[in-house]
């Protein structure tokens, strides 16, 4: 190592240390932001995408059952009307 290379090595080491420190700060900031967002979301009544899909399937099934019951009631009403005549 030459005498001129020593200051360059010192500068490079300081820069590398600064980059490592920034990386640590970045991870800490990301964790803090994630915590803040999770806390804020816990204040709201939010539903996950998966849960919403389950609810949509259940609603579709309920609508199909309702239509079937409506058709059955119409049939029974028609039969009752025939019997009462």
N, C-alpha and C. Protein backbone atom coordinates (compact mmCIF):
# COMPACT_ATOMS: atom_id res chain seq x y z
N UNK A 1 0.85 -1.16 0.00
CA UNK A 1 0.00 0.00 0.00
C UNK A 1 0.90 1.23 0.00
N UNK A 2 0.59 2.12 -0.87
CA UNK A 2 1.39 3.34 -0.95
C UNK A 2 0.86 4.36 0.03
N UNK A 3 1.67 5.37 0.25
CA UNK A 3 1.31 6.43 1.19
C UNK A 3 0.08 7.20 0.71
N UNK A 4 -0.08 7.35 -0.60
CA UNK A 4 -1.23 8.08 -1.16
C UNK A 4 -2.51 7.25 -1.09
N UNK A 5 -2.38 5.95 -1.07
CA UNK A 5 -3.56 5.09 -1.08
C UNK A 5 -4.25 5.07 0.29
N UNK A 6 -3.52 5.31 1.36
CA UNK A 6 -4.09 5.28 2.71
C UNK A 6 -5.25 6.26 2.88
N UNK A 7 -5.14 7.52 2.48
CA UNK A 7 -6.29 8.43 2.62
C UNK A 7 -7.50 7.97 1.79
N UNK A 8 -7.24 7.41 0.61
CA UNK A 8 -8.34 6.91 -0.22
C UNK A 8 -9.03 5.72 0.45
N UNK A 9 -8.26 4.86 1.07
CA UNK A 9 -8.82 3.73 1.79
C UNK A 9 -9.66 4.21 2.97
N UNK A 10 -9.16 5.23 3.67
CA UNK A 10 -9.91 5.78 4.81
C UNK A 10 -11.24 6.37 4.34
N UNK A 11 -11.21 7.09 3.23
CA UNK A 11 -12.43 7.69 2.68
C UNK A 11 -13.41 6.59 2.25
N UNK A 12 -12.88 5.58 1.58
CA UNK A 12 -13.73 4.47 1.12
C UNK A 12 -14.35 3.76 2.32
N UNK A 13 -13.59 3.58 3.37
CA UNK A 13 -14.10 2.91 4.57
C UNK A 13 -15.20 3.75 5.23
N UNK A 14 -15.01 5.08 5.27
CA UNK A 14 -16.01 5.96 5.85
C UNK A 14 -17.29 5.96 5.01
N UNK A 15 -17.13 5.96 3.70
CA UNK A 15 -18.30 5.91 2.81
C UNK A 15 -19.05 4.60 3.00
N UNK A 16 -18.31 3.51 3.06
CA UNK A 16 -18.94 2.20 3.25
C UNK A 16 -19.67 2.15 4.59
N UNK A 17 -19.06 2.71 5.63
CA UNK A 17 -19.71 2.75 6.95
C UNK A 17 -20.98 3.59 6.90
N UNK A 18 -20.93 4.70 6.18
CA UNK A 18 -22.12 5.54 6.05
C UNK A 18 -23.24 4.83 5.32
N UNK A 19 -22.87 4.08 4.28
CA UNK A 19 -23.88 3.32 3.52
C UNK A 19 -24.51 2.25 4.41
N UNK A 20 -23.68 1.57 5.20
CA UNK A 20 -24.21 0.56 6.12
C UNK A 20 -25.16 1.19 7.13
N UNK A 21 -24.77 2.36 7.63
CA UNK A 21 -25.60 3.07 8.60
C UNK A 21 -26.93 3.47 7.95
N UNK A 22 -26.89 3.97 6.72
CA UNK A 22 -28.12 4.35 6.01
C UNK A 22 -29.02 3.14 5.79
N UNK A 23 -28.39 2.00 5.49
CA UNK A 23 -29.17 0.77 5.31
C UNK A 23 -29.89 0.41 6.59
N UNK A 24 -29.21 0.53 7.71
CA UNK A 24 -29.84 0.27 9.01
C UNK A 24 -30.95 1.26 9.30
N UNK A 25 -30.72 2.52 8.98
CA UNK A 25 -31.76 3.53 9.18
C UNK A 25 -32.97 3.24 8.30
N UNK A 26 -32.70 2.81 7.07
CA UNK A 26 -33.78 2.49 6.14
C UNK A 26 -34.64 1.37 6.70
N UNK A 27 -33.99 0.32 7.21
CA UNK A 27 -34.75 -0.80 7.78
C UNK A 27 -35.56 -0.35 9.00
N UNK A 28 -34.96 0.48 9.82
CA UNK A 28 -35.66 0.99 10.99
C UNK A 28 -36.84 1.86 10.59
N UNK A 29 -36.64 2.71 9.58
CA UNK A 29 -37.72 3.57 9.11
C UNK A 29 -38.84 2.74 8.51
N UNK A 30 -38.50 1.71 7.73
CA UNK A 30 -39.52 0.84 7.14
C UNK A 30 -40.33 0.14 8.22
N UNK A 31 -39.65 -0.32 9.25
CA UNK A 31 -40.34 -0.99 10.35
C UNK A 31 -41.27 -0.01 11.07
N UNK A 32 -40.81 1.21 11.25
CA UNK A 32 -41.62 2.23 11.92
C UNK A 32 -42.85 2.57 11.08
N UNK A 33 -42.65 2.76 9.79
CA UNK A 33 -43.77 3.09 8.90
C UNK A 33 -44.76 1.93 8.86
N UNK A 34 -44.24 0.72 8.77
CA UNK A 34 -45.12 -0.46 8.76
C UNK A 34 -45.95 -0.51 10.04
N UNK A 35 -45.33 -0.25 11.17
CA UNK A 35 -46.04 -0.24 12.44
C UNK A 35 -47.12 0.83 12.49
N UNK A 36 -46.80 2.00 11.98
CA UNK A 36 -47.77 3.11 11.97
C UNK A 36 -48.96 2.76 11.08
N UNK A 37 -48.67 2.21 9.89
CA UNK A 37 -49.75 1.85 8.96
C UNK A 37 -50.61 0.73 9.54
N UNK A 38 -49.98 -0.29 10.11
CA UNK A 38 -50.75 -1.39 10.71
C UNK A 38 -51.61 -0.89 11.85
N UNK A 39 -51.08 0.01 12.65
CA UNK A 39 -51.85 0.58 13.75
C UNK A 39 -53.02 1.39 13.22
N UNK A 40 -52.79 2.19 12.19
CA UNK A 40 -53.86 2.99 11.60
C UNK A 40 -54.94 2.10 11.00
N UNK A 41 -54.53 1.04 10.30
CA UNK A 41 -55.50 0.14 9.69
C UNK A 41 -56.31 -0.62 10.75
N UNK A 42 -55.69 -0.88 11.89
CA UNK A 42 -56.43 -1.60 12.93
C UNK A 42 -57.56 -0.73 13.51
N UNK A 43 -57.48 0.57 13.30
CA UNK A 43 -58.52 1.48 13.76
C UNK A 43 -59.76 1.41 12.86
N UNK A 44 -59.58 0.94 11.62
CA UNK A 44 -60.67 0.87 10.66
C UNK A 44 -61.22 -0.54 10.57
N UNK A 45 -62.43 -0.63 10.06
CA UNK A 45 -63.06 -1.92 9.86
C UNK A 45 -62.76 -2.37 8.43
N UNK A 46 -61.59 -2.95 8.22
CA UNK A 46 -61.18 -3.38 6.89
C UNK A 46 -61.29 -4.90 6.78
N UNK A 47 -61.49 -5.34 5.56
CA UNK A 47 -61.65 -6.76 5.29
C UNK A 47 -60.55 -7.18 4.31
N UNK A 48 -59.99 -8.36 4.56
CA UNK A 48 -58.97 -8.86 3.65
C UNK A 48 -59.60 -9.30 2.34
N UNK A 49 -58.81 -9.35 1.31
CA UNK A 49 -59.29 -9.77 -0.01
C UNK A 49 -59.85 -11.18 0.05
N UNK A 50 -59.18 -12.07 0.75
CA UNK A 50 -59.65 -13.45 0.85
C UNK A 50 -61.01 -13.52 1.54
N UNK A 51 -61.16 -12.75 2.59
CA UNK A 51 -62.44 -12.76 3.32
C UNK A 51 -63.55 -12.18 2.45
N UNK A 52 -63.22 -11.17 1.66
CA UNK A 52 -64.20 -10.58 0.76
C UNK A 52 -64.64 -11.60 -0.29
N UNK A 53 -63.70 -12.38 -0.80
CA UNK A 53 -64.06 -13.42 -1.77
C UNK A 53 -64.99 -14.46 -1.15
N UNK A 54 -64.74 -14.84 0.08
CA UNK A 54 -65.62 -15.80 0.77
C UNK A 54 -67.01 -15.21 0.92
N UNK A 55 -67.09 -13.94 1.29
CA UNK A 55 -68.38 -13.28 1.44
C UNK A 55 -69.13 -13.21 0.11
N UNK A 56 -68.42 -12.97 -1.00
CA UNK A 56 -69.05 -12.92 -2.31
C UNK A 56 -69.64 -14.28 -2.69
N UNK A 57 -68.90 -15.36 -2.39
CA UNK A 57 -69.40 -16.71 -2.67
C UNK A 57 -70.65 -16.99 -1.85
N UNK A 58 -70.61 -16.62 -0.58
CA UNK A 58 -71.76 -16.85 0.29
C UNK A 58 -72.98 -16.05 -0.18
N UNK A 59 -72.76 -14.81 -0.61
CA UNK A 59 -73.84 -13.97 -1.10
C UNK A 59 -74.44 -14.55 -2.38
N UNK A 60 -73.61 -15.03 -3.27
CA UNK A 60 -74.10 -15.65 -4.51
C UNK A 60 -74.97 -16.86 -4.19
N UNK A 61 -74.52 -17.69 -3.27
CA UNK A 61 -75.29 -18.87 -2.87
C UNK A 61 -76.63 -18.46 -2.25
N UNK A 62 -76.61 -17.45 -1.40
CA UNK A 62 -77.84 -16.98 -0.76
C UNK A 62 -78.82 -16.44 -1.80
N UNK A 63 -78.31 -15.72 -2.81
CA UNK A 63 -79.18 -15.21 -3.87
C UNK A 63 -79.81 -16.35 -4.66
N UNK A 64 -79.02 -17.37 -4.97
CA UNK A 64 -79.54 -18.53 -5.69
C UNK A 64 -80.63 -19.23 -4.89
N UNK A 65 -80.40 -19.39 -3.58
CA UNK A 65 -81.40 -20.02 -2.72
C UNK A 65 -82.67 -19.17 -2.65
N UNK A 66 -82.50 -17.85 -2.59
CA UNK A 66 -83.65 -16.95 -2.54
C UNK A 66 -84.48 -17.06 -3.81
N UNK A 67 -83.82 -17.09 -4.97
CA UNK A 67 -84.54 -17.23 -6.23
C UNK A 67 -85.30 -18.57 -6.29
N UNK A 68 -84.67 -19.63 -5.81
CA UNK A 68 -85.32 -20.94 -5.79
C UNK A 68 -86.54 -20.91 -4.87
N UNK A 69 -86.42 -20.27 -3.71
CA UNK A 69 -87.55 -20.17 -2.79
C UNK A 69 -88.68 -19.32 -3.37
N UNK A 70 -88.31 -18.23 -4.03
CA UNK A 70 -89.33 -17.39 -4.67
C UNK A 70 -90.10 -18.19 -5.73
N UNK A 71 -89.38 -18.99 -6.52
CA UNK A 71 -90.04 -19.82 -7.54
C UNK A 71 -90.95 -20.84 -6.87
N UNK A 72 -90.49 -21.44 -5.79
CA UNK A 72 -91.29 -22.44 -5.08
C UNK A 72 -92.55 -21.82 -4.48
N UNK A 73 -92.43 -20.61 -3.91
CA UNK A 73 -93.59 -19.91 -3.36
C UNK A 73 -94.59 -19.60 -4.47
N UNK A 74 -94.10 -19.17 -5.63
CA UNK A 74 -94.99 -18.88 -6.76
C UNK A 74 -95.74 -20.14 -7.18
N UNK A 75 -95.03 -21.28 -7.21
CA UNK A 75 -95.68 -22.56 -7.56
C UNK A 75 -96.76 -22.91 -6.53
N UNK A 76 -96.45 -22.77 -5.27
CA UNK A 76 -97.41 -23.09 -4.20
C UNK A 76 -98.62 -22.16 -4.24
N UNK A 77 -98.38 -20.88 -4.52
CA UNK A 77 -99.48 -19.93 -4.62
C UNK A 77 -100.39 -20.29 -5.79
N UNK A 78 -99.77 -20.70 -6.92
CA UNK A 78 -100.56 -21.09 -8.08
C UNK A 78 -101.37 -22.34 -7.77
N UNK A 79 -100.78 -23.30 -7.08
CA UNK A 79 -101.48 -24.52 -6.72
C UNK A 79 -102.62 -24.21 -5.75
N UNK A 80 -102.38 -23.33 -4.80
CA UNK A 80 -103.41 -22.93 -3.84
C UNK A 80 -104.56 -22.23 -4.53
N UNK A 81 -104.23 -21.40 -5.49
CA UNK A 81 -105.26 -20.68 -6.24
C UNK A 81 -106.14 -21.66 -7.02
N UNK A 82 -105.51 -22.71 -7.61
CA UNK A 82 -106.28 -23.72 -8.34
C UNK A 82 -107.21 -24.48 -7.38
N UNK A 83 -106.70 -24.79 -6.18
CA UNK A 83 -107.51 -25.53 -5.22
C UNK A 83 -108.68 -24.71 -4.70
N UNK A 84 -108.51 -23.40 -4.59
CA UNK A 84 -109.57 -22.56 -4.04
C UNK A 84 -110.63 -22.22 -5.08
N UNK A 85 -110.42 -22.56 -6.33
CA UNK A 85 -111.42 -22.24 -7.38
C UNK A 85 -112.41 -23.32 -7.55
